[in-house]
Amino acid sequence: MIPQFIAVVLIGYLLGSIPFGLIISKLKTGVDIRQHGSGKTGATNVMRAAGTKLGMLTIGLDVAKAAVAVLVATVIIRGSGTVTIGTMSIHWMHIAQVSAGMAAVTGHNWPVFARFKGGRGVTAYFGTLFAIYPPVGIFGAQVLAIAALRSRHMSLGSMLGASAALCVMIPLTIVYNFPPIYLAYCSAVVAMIVIQHAGNIRRLRQGTERRLY
């Protein structure tokens, strides 16, 4: 089991580390987006430095890489039994999914292929949710889009969308007996996303945060 989990985490991290925003902007415009705007390789910075179309392409690829990481973990560990922690019985597959998800988000934020300078984990987070339980990811993405368009702040939309997905996971866990490890995963990643947006939160409070349009 240990070799499989090492493989799951390693694959998740390496997939998450693929800096699609950097690659796309370099190939299409010759721009290194790490030298522009926020310095991040995420889709929002790509939109500002290289255009909306390339930003949307970046979103799709960043979501896909994280979803693939979780799906690969599901295939590798599927049907491997459960582990008992206290009074809880947790399926190894669920542990593998969240391990791969966390690794993918970590890789997206600190990619080995881009000198550990990446994004803020939002698109990767939603990619993992689409693979774990699509309705939660879809709901969070809708909240993100609405909040970002209405406020014209992608940072605010990102945090609200990520938090909305977490809020949906709470009743699913309590009422519908979803694996508690999914809730723990969402809580940990949302906390990471908020921390990654510390500078944005400060600028939002000061009224100096850059708008989408």
N, C-alpha and C. Protein backbone atom coordinates (compact mmCIF):
# COMPACT_ATOMS: atom_id res chain seq x y z
N MET A 1 0.82 -1.21 0.00
CA MET A 1 0.00 0.00 0.00
C MET A 1 0.87 1.27 0.00
N ILE A 2 1.98 1.25 0.72
CA ILE A 2 2.84 2.43 0.79
C ILE A 2 3.35 2.86 -0.58
N PRO A 3 3.84 1.94 -1.42
CA PRO A 3 4.29 2.36 -2.76
C PRO A 3 3.18 3.01 -3.58
N GLN A 4 1.96 2.48 -3.45
CA GLN A 4 0.83 3.06 -4.20
C GLN A 4 0.55 4.48 -3.74
N PHE A 5 0.61 4.72 -2.44
CA PHE A 5 0.34 6.07 -1.94
C PHE A 5 1.47 7.03 -2.32
N ILE A 6 2.69 6.56 -2.32
CA ILE A 6 3.80 7.40 -2.76
C ILE A 6 3.58 7.79 -4.22
N ALA A 7 3.13 6.82 -5.02
CA ALA A 7 2.86 7.09 -6.43
C ALA A 7 1.73 8.09 -6.59
N VAL A 8 0.68 7.94 -5.79
CA VAL A 8 -0.47 8.84 -5.86
C VAL A 8 -0.06 10.28 -5.57
N VAL A 9 0.71 10.47 -4.49
CA VAL A 9 1.14 11.81 -4.10
C VAL A 9 2.11 12.40 -5.12
N LEU A 10 3.04 11.59 -5.59
CA LEU A 10 4.03 12.07 -6.55
C LEU A 10 3.37 12.46 -7.87
N ILE A 11 2.46 11.60 -8.36
CA ILE A 11 1.76 11.91 -9.60
C ILE A 11 0.92 13.18 -9.44
N GLY A 12 0.23 13.27 -8.31
CA GLY A 12 -0.59 14.45 -8.05
C GLY A 12 0.23 15.72 -8.04
N TYR A 13 1.38 15.67 -7.36
CA TYR A 13 2.23 16.87 -7.28
C TYR A 13 2.79 17.23 -8.65
N LEU A 14 3.26 16.26 -9.39
CA LEU A 14 3.86 16.54 -10.70
C LEU A 14 2.82 17.07 -11.68
N LEU A 15 1.62 16.50 -11.65
CA LEU A 15 0.55 17.03 -12.51
C LEU A 15 0.20 18.46 -12.11
N GLY A 16 0.06 18.68 -10.80
CA GLY A 16 -0.25 20.02 -10.33
C GLY A 16 0.83 21.02 -10.66
N SER A 17 2.07 20.54 -10.77
CA SER A 17 3.21 21.43 -11.03
C SER A 17 3.30 21.91 -12.47
N ILE A 18 2.53 21.31 -13.37
CA ILE A 18 2.60 21.75 -14.77
C ILE A 18 2.07 23.19 -14.84
N PRO A 19 2.92 24.17 -15.15
CA PRO A 19 2.50 25.59 -15.12
C PRO A 19 1.87 26.01 -16.45
N PHE A 20 0.65 25.56 -16.67
CA PHE A 20 0.01 25.82 -17.96
C PHE A 20 -0.06 27.30 -18.28
N GLY A 21 -0.33 28.13 -17.27
CA GLY A 21 -0.40 29.57 -17.50
C GLY A 21 0.91 30.12 -18.04
N LEU A 22 2.01 29.68 -17.45
CA LEU A 22 3.33 30.11 -17.89
C LEU A 22 3.64 29.59 -19.29
N ILE A 23 3.34 28.32 -19.51
CA ILE A 23 3.62 27.70 -20.81
C ILE A 23 2.83 28.38 -21.92
N ILE A 24 1.53 28.57 -21.69
CA ILE A 24 0.65 29.15 -22.71
C ILE A 24 1.07 30.57 -23.04
N SER A 25 1.31 31.38 -22.02
CA SER A 25 1.66 32.77 -22.25
C SER A 25 3.01 32.89 -22.95
N LYS A 26 3.95 31.99 -22.61
CA LYS A 26 5.26 32.01 -23.26
C LYS A 26 5.15 31.64 -24.73
N LEU A 27 4.39 30.57 -25.01
CA LEU A 27 4.28 30.08 -26.38
C LEU A 27 3.52 31.05 -27.27
N LYS A 28 2.44 31.64 -26.73
CA LYS A 28 1.56 32.46 -27.55
C LYS A 28 2.00 33.92 -27.65
N THR A 29 2.60 34.44 -26.60
CA THR A 29 2.92 35.87 -26.60
C THR A 29 4.39 36.16 -26.27
N GLY A 30 5.11 35.15 -25.81
CA GLY A 30 6.50 35.37 -25.40
C GLY A 30 6.63 36.02 -24.05
N VAL A 31 5.49 36.16 -23.34
CA VAL A 31 5.47 36.83 -22.04
C VAL A 31 5.67 35.84 -20.90
N ASP A 32 6.56 36.17 -19.99
CA ASP A 32 6.71 35.40 -18.76
C ASP A 32 5.81 36.08 -17.73
N ILE A 33 4.66 35.47 -17.45
CA ILE A 33 3.69 36.15 -16.59
C ILE A 33 4.17 36.30 -15.16
N ARG A 34 5.24 35.60 -14.80
CA ARG A 34 5.80 35.78 -13.46
C ARG A 34 6.45 37.15 -13.32
N GLN A 35 6.69 37.81 -14.47
CA GLN A 35 7.27 39.15 -14.46
C GLN A 35 6.22 40.24 -14.62
N HIS A 36 4.95 39.85 -14.56
CA HIS A 36 3.86 40.82 -14.75
C HIS A 36 2.80 40.67 -13.66
N GLY A 37 2.09 41.75 -13.43
CA GLY A 37 0.96 41.72 -12.50
C GLY A 37 1.31 41.17 -11.14
N SER A 38 0.56 40.15 -10.73
CA SER A 38 0.76 39.55 -9.41
C SER A 38 1.98 38.65 -9.35
N GLY A 39 2.52 38.30 -10.52
CA GLY A 39 3.66 37.39 -10.55
C GLY A 39 3.26 35.94 -10.46
N LYS A 40 1.94 35.67 -10.37
CA LYS A 40 1.44 34.31 -10.28
C LYS A 40 1.25 33.71 -11.67
N THR A 41 1.19 32.38 -11.72
CA THR A 41 1.01 31.69 -13.01
C THR A 41 -0.44 31.29 -13.25
N GLY A 42 -1.34 31.76 -12.38
CA GLY A 42 -2.74 31.40 -12.50
C GLY A 42 -3.46 32.12 -13.63
N ALA A 43 -4.70 31.69 -13.86
CA ALA A 43 -5.48 32.17 -15.00
C ALA A 43 -5.75 33.67 -14.96
N THR A 44 -5.99 34.23 -13.78
CA THR A 44 -6.29 35.66 -13.70
C THR A 44 -5.12 36.50 -14.20
N ASN A 45 -3.93 36.13 -13.80
CA ASN A 45 -2.76 36.88 -14.26
C ASN A 45 -2.53 36.67 -15.75
N VAL A 46 -2.84 35.48 -16.24
CA VAL A 46 -2.73 35.22 -17.68
C VAL A 46 -3.69 36.12 -18.45
N MET A 47 -4.92 36.24 -17.95
CA MET A 47 -5.91 37.10 -18.60
C MET A 47 -5.41 38.53 -18.71
N ARG A 48 -4.80 39.02 -17.65
CA ARG A 48 -4.34 40.40 -17.63
C ARG A 48 -3.09 40.61 -18.49
N ALA A 49 -2.23 39.60 -18.53
CA ALA A 49 -0.97 39.76 -19.24
C ALA A 49 -1.02 39.29 -20.68
N ALA A 50 -1.90 38.30 -20.96
CA ALA A 50 -1.88 37.69 -22.30
C ALA A 50 -3.25 37.62 -22.96
N GLY A 51 -4.31 38.05 -22.27
CA GLY A 51 -5.62 38.07 -22.90
C GLY A 51 -6.60 37.07 -22.30
N THR A 52 -7.90 37.38 -22.47
CA THR A 52 -8.96 36.56 -21.88
C THR A 52 -9.00 35.15 -22.43
N LYS A 53 -8.83 34.98 -23.73
CA LYS A 53 -8.90 33.64 -24.33
C LYS A 53 -7.83 32.72 -23.75
N LEU A 54 -6.63 33.23 -23.64
CA LEU A 54 -5.56 32.40 -23.08
C LEU A 54 -5.79 32.14 -21.59
N GLY A 55 -6.40 33.09 -20.92
CA GLY A 55 -6.74 32.90 -19.51
C GLY A 55 -7.77 31.79 -19.35
N MET A 56 -8.78 31.77 -20.23
CA MET A 56 -9.80 30.73 -20.16
C MET A 56 -9.20 29.36 -20.48
N LEU A 57 -8.28 29.33 -21.44
CA LEU A 57 -7.61 28.06 -21.75
C LEU A 57 -6.81 27.57 -20.55
N THR A 58 -6.18 28.50 -19.86
CA THR A 58 -5.42 28.15 -18.65
C THR A 58 -6.33 27.56 -17.59
N ILE A 59 -7.51 28.17 -17.41
CA ILE A 59 -8.47 27.65 -16.43
C ILE A 59 -8.80 26.19 -16.74
N GLY A 60 -9.14 25.93 -18.01
CA GLY A 60 -9.52 24.58 -18.39
C GLY A 60 -8.42 23.56 -18.14
N LEU A 61 -7.21 23.91 -18.49
CA LEU A 61 -6.09 22.98 -18.32
C LEU A 61 -5.72 22.80 -16.85
N ASP A 62 -5.77 23.88 -16.07
CA ASP A 62 -5.46 23.77 -14.63
C ASP A 62 -6.51 22.93 -13.91
N VAL A 63 -7.76 23.10 -14.28
CA VAL A 63 -8.82 22.26 -13.70
C VAL A 63 -8.61 20.81 -14.09
N ALA A 64 -8.30 20.58 -15.36
CA ALA A 64 -8.14 19.21 -15.85
C ALA A 64 -6.98 18.48 -15.18
N LYS A 65 -5.85 19.15 -14.99
CA LYS A 65 -4.69 18.46 -14.42
C LYS A 65 -4.99 17.99 -12.99
N ALA A 66 -5.71 18.81 -12.23
CA ALA A 66 -6.03 18.43 -10.85
C ALA A 66 -7.08 17.31 -10.82
N ALA A 67 -8.05 17.39 -11.72
CA ALA A 67 -9.06 16.34 -11.79
C ALA A 67 -8.42 15.01 -12.16
N VAL A 68 -7.50 15.04 -13.11
CA VAL A 68 -6.81 13.81 -13.53
C VAL A 68 -6.02 13.23 -12.36
N ALA A 69 -5.40 14.07 -11.56
CA ALA A 69 -4.64 13.58 -10.40
C ALA A 69 -5.53 12.76 -9.47
N VAL A 70 -6.74 13.26 -9.20
CA VAL A 70 -7.68 12.55 -8.32
C VAL A 70 -8.18 11.27 -8.98
N LEU A 71 -8.48 11.34 -10.27
CA LEU A 71 -8.98 10.16 -10.98
C LEU A 71 -7.93 9.06 -11.05
N VAL A 72 -6.67 9.44 -11.24
CA VAL A 72 -5.58 8.46 -11.24
C VAL A 72 -5.48 7.79 -9.88
N ALA A 73 -5.59 8.58 -8.81
CA ALA A 73 -5.55 8.03 -7.46
C ALA A 73 -6.68 7.05 -7.22
N THR A 74 -7.86 7.38 -7.75
CA THR A 74 -9.02 6.51 -7.60
C THR A 74 -8.78 5.16 -8.26
N VAL A 75 -8.16 5.18 -9.41
CA VAL A 75 -7.86 3.94 -10.14
C VAL A 75 -6.80 3.12 -9.41
N ILE A 76 -5.77 3.79 -8.91
CA ILE A 76 -4.66 3.08 -8.27
C ILE A 76 -5.08 2.39 -6.97
N ILE A 77 -5.90 3.08 -6.17
CA ILE A 77 -6.24 2.57 -4.83
C ILE A 77 -7.64 1.96 -4.77
N ARG A 78 -8.38 1.95 -5.84
CA ARG A 78 -9.75 1.44 -5.84
C ARG A 78 -9.82 0.02 -5.25
N GLY A 79 -10.82 -0.18 -4.37
CA GLY A 79 -11.08 -1.51 -3.84
C GLY A 79 -10.02 -2.03 -2.89
N SER A 80 -9.31 -1.12 -2.20
CA SER A 80 -8.22 -1.54 -1.33
C SER A 80 -8.61 -1.61 0.14
N GLY A 81 -9.90 -1.59 0.44
CA GLY A 81 -10.34 -1.76 1.81
C GLY A 81 -10.42 -0.47 2.59
N THR A 82 -10.53 -0.61 3.92
CA THR A 82 -10.72 0.55 4.80
C THR A 82 -9.71 0.53 5.94
N VAL A 83 -9.59 1.68 6.58
CA VAL A 83 -8.77 1.80 7.78
C VAL A 83 -9.66 2.40 8.87
N THR A 84 -9.52 1.91 10.10
CA THR A 84 -10.34 2.38 11.21
C THR A 84 -9.53 3.36 12.06
N ILE A 85 -10.10 4.57 12.23
CA ILE A 85 -9.47 5.59 13.07
C ILE A 85 -10.50 5.98 14.13
N GLY A 86 -10.26 5.55 15.38
CA GLY A 86 -11.25 5.79 16.43
C GLY A 86 -12.51 5.00 16.12
N THR A 87 -13.62 5.73 15.97
CA THR A 87 -14.89 5.08 15.64
C THR A 87 -15.22 5.18 14.16
N MET A 88 -14.32 5.81 13.39
CA MET A 88 -14.57 6.00 11.97
C MET A 88 -13.85 4.96 11.12
N SER A 89 -14.53 4.52 10.08
CA SER A 89 -13.94 3.63 9.11
C SER A 89 -13.80 4.40 7.80
N ILE A 90 -12.57 4.60 7.35
CA ILE A 90 -12.31 5.42 6.17
C ILE A 90 -11.76 4.55 5.05
N HIS A 91 -12.34 4.68 3.88
CA HIS A 91 -11.90 3.90 2.74
C HIS A 91 -10.55 4.43 2.26
N TRP A 92 -9.65 3.51 1.96
CA TRP A 92 -8.34 3.90 1.47
C TRP A 92 -8.44 4.74 0.19
N MET A 93 -9.44 4.42 -0.63
CA MET A 93 -9.61 5.17 -1.87
C MET A 93 -9.89 6.64 -1.60
N HIS A 94 -10.70 6.92 -0.57
CA HIS A 94 -11.00 8.31 -0.23
C HIS A 94 -9.75 9.03 0.29
N ILE A 95 -8.96 8.32 1.06
CA ILE A 95 -7.69 8.90 1.53
C ILE A 95 -6.78 9.21 0.35
N ALA A 96 -6.75 8.29 -0.61
CA ALA A 96 -5.92 8.49 -1.79
C ALA A 96 -6.39 9.68 -2.60
N GLN A 97 -7.71 9.84 -2.73
CA GLN A 97 -8.25 10.96 -3.49
C GLN A 97 -7.85 12.30 -2.89
N VAL A 98 -8.01 12.44 -1.58
CA VAL A 98 -7.69 13.73 -0.97
C VAL A 98 -6.17 13.94 -0.91
N SER A 99 -5.41 12.86 -0.81
CA SER A 99 -3.95 12.98 -0.83
C SER A 99 -3.50 13.49 -2.19
N ALA A 100 -4.08 12.92 -3.24
CA ALA A 100 -3.74 13.37 -4.60
C ALA A 100 -4.20 14.79 -4.81
N GLY A 101 -5.39 15.12 -4.29
CA GLY A 101 -5.91 16.48 -4.43
C GLY A 101 -5.02 17.50 -3.75
N MET A 102 -4.63 17.21 -2.54
CA MET A 102 -3.75 18.13 -1.81
C MET A 102 -2.40 18.27 -2.50
N ALA A 103 -1.90 17.15 -3.03
CA ALA A 103 -0.62 17.19 -3.74
C ALA A 103 -0.73 18.04 -5.01
N ALA A 104 -1.87 17.92 -5.71
CA ALA A 104 -2.07 18.69 -6.94
C ALA A 104 -2.16 20.18 -6.65
N VAL A 105 -2.89 20.54 -5.61
CA VAL A 105 -3.02 21.95 -5.23
C VAL A 105 -1.66 22.49 -4.80
N THR A 106 -0.92 21.70 -4.02
CA THR A 106 0.41 22.12 -3.59
C THR A 106 1.33 22.31 -4.79
N GLY A 107 1.25 21.38 -5.74
CA GLY A 107 2.07 21.51 -6.94
C GLY A 107 1.70 22.74 -7.75
N HIS A 108 0.41 23.03 -7.82
CA HIS A 108 -0.04 24.22 -8.56
C HIS A 108 0.51 25.49 -7.91
N ASN A 109 0.51 25.54 -6.60
CA ASN A 109 0.98 26.73 -5.89
C ASN A 109 2.50 26.84 -5.86
N TRP A 110 3.18 25.70 -5.71
CA TRP A 110 4.64 25.68 -5.62
C TRP A 110 5.18 24.64 -6.60
N PRO A 111 5.10 24.95 -7.91
CA PRO A 111 5.46 23.96 -8.94
C PRO A 111 6.97 23.76 -9.10
N VAL A 112 7.37 22.51 -9.11
CA VAL A 112 8.78 22.19 -9.29
C VAL A 112 9.26 22.61 -10.68
N PHE A 113 8.34 22.68 -11.64
CA PHE A 113 8.73 23.03 -13.01
C PHE A 113 8.80 24.54 -13.26
N ALA A 114 8.47 25.33 -12.26
CA ALA A 114 8.49 26.79 -12.43
C ALA A 114 9.14 27.46 -11.23
N ARG A 115 10.19 26.81 -10.72
CA ARG A 115 10.96 27.36 -9.60
C ARG A 115 10.08 27.65 -8.38
N PHE A 116 9.07 26.82 -8.19
CA PHE A 116 8.19 26.87 -7.02
C PHE A 116 7.41 28.18 -6.92
N LYS A 117 7.19 28.82 -8.07
CA LYS A 117 6.41 30.05 -8.10
C LYS A 117 5.21 29.83 -9.00
N GLY A 118 4.05 29.55 -8.38
CA GLY A 118 2.86 29.20 -9.15
C GLY A 118 1.67 30.08 -8.88
N GLY A 119 0.51 29.45 -8.72
CA GLY A 119 -0.74 30.18 -8.53
C GLY A 119 -1.19 30.18 -7.08
N ARG A 120 -2.50 30.33 -6.91
CA ARG A 120 -3.05 30.37 -5.55
C ARG A 120 -3.93 29.16 -5.24
N GLY A 121 -4.01 28.22 -6.16
CA GLY A 121 -4.66 26.95 -5.87
C GLY A 121 -6.15 26.86 -6.17
N VAL A 122 -6.77 27.94 -6.64
CA VAL A 122 -8.23 27.94 -6.79
C VAL A 122 -8.68 27.00 -7.90
N THR A 123 -8.12 27.15 -9.10
CA THR A 123 -8.56 26.29 -10.20
C THR A 123 -8.22 24.82 -9.92
N ALA A 124 -7.07 24.57 -9.32
CA ALA A 124 -6.71 23.20 -8.99
C ALA A 124 -7.68 22.62 -7.97
N TYR A 125 -8.08 23.42 -6.99
CA TYR A 125 -9.05 22.99 -5.98
C TYR A 125 -10.35 22.57 -6.64
N PHE A 126 -10.86 23.40 -7.54
CA PHE A 126 -12.11 23.06 -8.20
C PHE A 126 -11.95 21.84 -9.09
N GLY A 127 -10.78 21.68 -9.69
CA GLY A 127 -10.54 20.48 -10.48
C GLY A 127 -10.66 19.22 -9.64
N THR A 128 -10.12 19.26 -8.43
CA THR A 128 -10.22 18.09 -7.54
C THR A 128 -11.66 17.85 -7.12
N LEU A 129 -12.41 18.91 -6.89
CA LEU A 129 -13.82 18.75 -6.50
C LEU A 129 -14.64 18.16 -7.64
N PHE A 130 -14.37 18.57 -8.87
CA PHE A 130 -15.09 18.02 -10.01
C PHE A 130 -14.88 16.51 -10.10
N ALA A 131 -13.70 16.03 -9.68
CA ALA A 131 -13.42 14.61 -9.72
C ALA A 131 -13.99 13.88 -8.50
N ILE A 132 -13.98 14.54 -7.34
CA ILE A 132 -14.46 13.91 -6.11
C ILE A 132 -15.99 13.86 -6.07
N TYR A 133 -16.64 15.00 -6.32
CA TYR A 133 -18.11 15.06 -6.34
C TYR A 133 -18.51 16.29 -7.14
N PRO A 134 -18.78 16.12 -8.43
CA PRO A 134 -19.00 17.24 -9.34
C PRO A 134 -20.02 18.30 -8.89
N PRO A 135 -21.17 17.92 -8.29
CA PRO A 135 -22.12 18.97 -7.91
C PRO A 135 -21.54 20.03 -6.97
N VAL A 136 -20.67 19.61 -6.06
CA VAL A 136 -20.05 20.57 -5.14
C VAL A 136 -19.14 21.52 -5.91
N GLY A 137 -18.36 20.97 -6.81
CA GLY A 137 -17.48 21.81 -7.62
C GLY A 137 -18.25 22.77 -8.50
N ILE A 138 -19.33 22.29 -9.09
CA ILE A 138 -20.14 23.13 -9.98
C ILE A 138 -20.78 24.27 -9.19
N PHE A 139 -21.32 23.96 -8.01
CA PHE A 139 -21.93 25.00 -7.19
C PHE A 139 -20.91 26.06 -6.80
N GLY A 140 -19.75 25.62 -6.33
CA GLY A 140 -18.71 26.57 -5.94
C GLY A 140 -18.25 27.43 -7.10
N ALA A 141 -18.13 26.81 -8.29
CA ALA A 141 -17.70 27.56 -9.48
C ALA A 141 -18.74 28.60 -9.88
N GLN A 142 -20.02 28.27 -9.72
CA GLN A 142 -21.08 29.23 -10.02
C GLN A 142 -21.02 30.42 -9.07
N VAL A 143 -20.81 30.15 -7.80
CA VAL A 143 -20.68 31.23 -6.83
C VAL A 143 -19.48 32.09 -7.17
N LEU A 144 -18.38 31.46 -7.51
CA LEU A 144 -17.17 32.19 -7.89
C LEU A 144 -17.46 33.13 -9.07
N ALA A 145 -18.08 32.59 -10.11
CA ALA A 145 -18.33 33.39 -11.32
C ALA A 145 -19.25 34.57 -11.02
N ILE A 146 -20.32 34.32 -10.29
CA ILE A 146 -21.28 35.39 -9.98
C ILE A 146 -20.64 36.46 -9.12
N ALA A 147 -19.94 36.03 -8.07
CA ALA A 147 -19.30 36.99 -7.16
C ALA A 147 -18.22 37.80 -7.87
N ALA A 148 -17.43 37.13 -8.72
CA ALA A 148 -16.35 37.83 -9.43
C ALA A 148 -16.91 38.85 -10.42
N LEU A 149 -17.96 38.47 -11.13
CA LEU A 149 -18.54 39.37 -12.13
C LEU A 149 -19.25 40.55 -11.49
N ARG A 150 -19.95 40.29 -10.38
CA ARG A 150 -20.68 41.37 -9.71
C ARG A 150 -19.75 42.33 -8.98
N SER A 151 -18.72 41.79 -8.34
CA SER A 151 -17.80 42.64 -7.58
C SER A 151 -16.66 43.17 -8.45
N ARG A 152 -16.43 42.47 -9.57
CA ARG A 152 -15.30 42.76 -10.47
C ARG A 152 -13.96 42.48 -9.80
N HIS A 153 -13.98 41.63 -8.78
CA HIS A 153 -12.74 41.22 -8.11
C HIS A 153 -12.64 39.70 -8.16
N MET A 154 -11.71 39.18 -8.94
CA MET A 154 -11.54 37.73 -9.02
C MET A 154 -11.11 37.14 -7.70
N SER A 155 -10.31 37.88 -6.95
CA SER A 155 -9.85 37.38 -5.66
C SER A 155 -11.02 37.13 -4.72
N LEU A 156 -11.94 38.08 -4.67
CA LEU A 156 -13.12 37.92 -3.80
C LEU A 156 -13.97 36.75 -4.29
N GLY A 157 -14.20 36.69 -5.60
CA GLY A 157 -14.98 35.59 -6.14
C GLY A 157 -14.35 34.24 -5.85
N SER A 158 -13.04 34.16 -5.95
CA SER A 158 -12.32 32.91 -5.71
C SER A 158 -12.51 32.44 -4.27
N MET A 159 -12.35 33.35 -3.33
CA MET A 159 -12.50 32.97 -1.92
C MET A 159 -13.93 32.60 -1.58
N LEU A 160 -14.89 33.35 -2.13
CA LEU A 160 -16.30 33.05 -1.87
C LEU A 160 -16.71 31.73 -2.50
N GLY A 161 -16.24 31.49 -3.74
CA GLY A 161 -16.57 30.24 -4.40
C GLY A 161 -15.99 29.03 -3.69
N ALA A 162 -14.73 29.14 -3.27
CA ALA A 162 -14.09 28.04 -2.54
C ALA A 162 -14.80 27.79 -1.21
N SER A 163 -15.18 28.86 -0.53
CA SER A 163 -15.88 28.73 0.75
C SER A 163 -17.28 28.16 0.57
N ALA A 164 -17.93 28.53 -0.54
CA ALA A 164 -19.28 28.01 -0.81
C ALA A 164 -19.24 26.50 -0.99
N ALA A 165 -18.23 26.01 -1.70
CA ALA A 165 -18.09 24.57 -1.88
C ALA A 165 -17.89 23.88 -0.54
N LEU A 166 -17.11 24.49 0.33
CA LEU A 166 -16.90 23.94 1.67
C LEU A 166 -18.21 23.91 2.45
N CYS A 167 -18.99 24.97 2.37
CA CYS A 167 -20.26 25.05 3.10
C CYS A 167 -21.23 23.96 2.65
N VAL A 168 -21.22 23.63 1.35
CA VAL A 168 -22.09 22.57 0.85
C VAL A 168 -21.63 21.21 1.37
N MET A 169 -20.33 21.05 1.50
CA MET A 169 -19.79 19.78 1.97
C MET A 169 -20.17 19.48 3.42
N ILE A 170 -20.44 20.52 4.20
CA ILE A 170 -20.80 20.31 5.62
C ILE A 170 -22.09 19.52 5.77
N PRO A 171 -23.23 19.96 5.18
CA PRO A 171 -24.45 19.15 5.31
C PRO A 171 -24.35 17.80 4.61
N LEU A 172 -23.60 17.72 3.52
CA LEU A 172 -23.42 16.43 2.86
C LEU A 172 -22.75 15.43 3.81
N THR A 173 -21.83 15.94 4.62
CA THR A 173 -21.13 15.07 5.58
C THR A 173 -22.03 14.70 6.75
N ILE A 174 -22.75 15.69 7.29
CA ILE A 174 -23.55 15.47 8.49
C ILE A 174 -24.84 14.71 8.19
N VAL A 175 -25.51 15.10 7.12
CA VAL A 175 -26.83 14.55 6.82
C VAL A 175 -26.76 13.34 5.90
N TYR A 176 -25.88 13.39 4.91
CA TYR A 176 -25.86 12.34 3.90
C TYR A 176 -24.66 11.39 4.02
N ASN A 177 -23.94 11.52 5.14
CA ASN A 177 -22.87 10.58 5.46
C ASN A 177 -21.76 10.51 4.41
N PHE A 178 -21.43 11.66 3.83
CA PHE A 178 -20.27 11.71 2.96
C PHE A 178 -19.02 11.46 3.81
N PRO A 179 -17.97 10.92 3.22
CA PRO A 179 -16.74 10.67 3.99
C PRO A 179 -16.23 11.95 4.67
N PRO A 180 -16.08 11.94 5.98
CA PRO A 180 -15.59 13.14 6.69
C PRO A 180 -14.26 13.65 6.17
N ILE A 181 -13.47 12.76 5.58
CA ILE A 181 -12.17 13.18 5.08
C ILE A 181 -12.30 14.16 3.93
N TYR A 182 -13.44 14.12 3.20
CA TYR A 182 -13.68 15.10 2.15
C TYR A 182 -13.86 16.49 2.76
N LEU A 183 -14.60 16.55 3.86
CA LEU A 183 -14.81 17.83 4.55
C LEU A 183 -13.49 18.36 5.10
N ALA A 184 -12.70 17.47 5.67
CA ALA A 184 -11.39 17.89 6.21
C ALA A 184 -10.51 18.42 5.08
N TYR A 185 -10.55 17.76 3.94
CA TYR A 185 -9.77 18.20 2.79
C TYR A 185 -10.20 19.59 2.33
N CYS A 186 -11.50 19.77 2.17
CA CYS A 186 -12.00 21.08 1.72
C CYS A 186 -11.63 22.18 2.71
N SER A 187 -11.75 21.88 4.00
CA SER A 187 -11.41 22.88 5.03
C SER A 187 -9.94 23.28 4.93
N ALA A 188 -9.06 22.29 4.75
CA ALA A 188 -7.63 22.56 4.68
C ALA A 188 -7.28 23.39 3.44
N VAL A 189 -7.88 23.05 2.29
CA VAL A 189 -7.54 23.76 1.06
C VAL A 189 -8.12 25.17 1.07
N VAL A 190 -9.33 25.33 1.58
CA VAL A 190 -9.91 26.68 1.66
C VAL A 190 -9.05 27.56 2.56
N ALA A 191 -8.57 27.02 3.67
CA ALA A 191 -7.67 27.78 4.55
C ALA A 191 -6.40 28.18 3.80
N MET A 192 -5.87 27.25 2.99
CA MET A 192 -4.69 27.55 2.19
C MET A 192 -4.97 28.66 1.19
N ILE A 193 -6.13 28.59 0.54
CA ILE A 193 -6.50 29.59 -0.45
C ILE A 193 -6.63 30.97 0.19
N VAL A 194 -7.26 31.04 1.34
CA VAL A 194 -7.42 32.32 2.03
C VAL A 194 -6.05 32.89 2.41
N ILE A 195 -5.17 32.04 2.91
CA ILE A 195 -3.82 32.49 3.27
C ILE A 195 -3.09 33.01 2.04
N GLN A 196 -3.24 32.31 0.92
CA GLN A 196 -2.60 32.72 -0.32
C GLN A 196 -3.13 34.07 -0.81
N HIS A 197 -4.34 34.41 -0.40
CA HIS A 197 -4.95 35.68 -0.81
C HIS A 197 -4.80 36.77 0.26
N ALA A 198 -3.88 36.60 1.18
CA ALA A 198 -3.72 37.58 2.27
C ALA A 198 -3.51 38.99 1.72
N GLY A 199 -2.65 39.13 0.72
CA GLY A 199 -2.40 40.45 0.13
C GLY A 199 -3.63 41.01 -0.54
N ASN A 200 -4.40 40.14 -1.19
CA ASN A 200 -5.63 40.58 -1.84
C ASN A 200 -6.66 41.05 -0.82
N ILE A 201 -6.74 40.34 0.29
CA ILE A 201 -7.68 40.72 1.35
C ILE A 201 -7.33 42.11 1.88
N ARG A 202 -6.05 42.35 2.08
CA ARG A 202 -5.61 43.66 2.55
C ARG A 202 -5.98 44.76 1.55
N ARG A 203 -5.76 44.49 0.26
CA ARG A 203 -6.09 45.50 -0.76
C ARG A 203 -7.59 45.68 -0.91
N LEU A 204 -8.36 44.62 -0.72
CA LEU A 204 -9.82 44.74 -0.77
C LEU A 204 -10.31 45.66 0.35
N ARG A 205 -9.73 45.52 1.52
CA ARG A 205 -10.11 46.37 2.65
C ARG A 205 -9.72 47.82 2.41
N GLN A 206 -8.59 48.01 1.72
CA GLN A 206 -8.12 49.38 1.45
C GLN A 206 -8.77 49.99 0.21
N GLY A 207 -9.49 49.15 -0.55
CA GLY A 207 -10.12 49.64 -1.77
C GLY A 207 -9.16 49.80 -2.93
N THR A 208 -8.01 49.11 -2.87
CA THR A 208 -6.99 49.25 -3.91
C THR A 208 -6.81 47.97 -4.74
N GLU A 209 -7.64 46.97 -4.49
CA GLU A 209 -7.52 45.74 -5.25
C GLU A 209 -7.86 45.97 -6.72
N ARG A 210 -7.05 45.39 -7.60
CA ARG A 210 -7.24 45.57 -9.04
C ARG A 210 -8.52 44.88 -9.49
N ARG A 211 -9.30 45.54 -10.34
CA ARG A 211 -10.56 44.97 -10.82
C ARG A 211 -10.35 44.16 -12.09
N LEU A 212 -11.31 43.26 -12.35
CA LEU A 212 -11.27 42.47 -13.55
C LEU A 212 -11.45 43.31 -14.81
N TYR A 213 -12.34 44.29 -14.71
CA TYR A 213 -12.63 45.16 -15.86
C TYR A 213 -13.17 46.49 -15.38
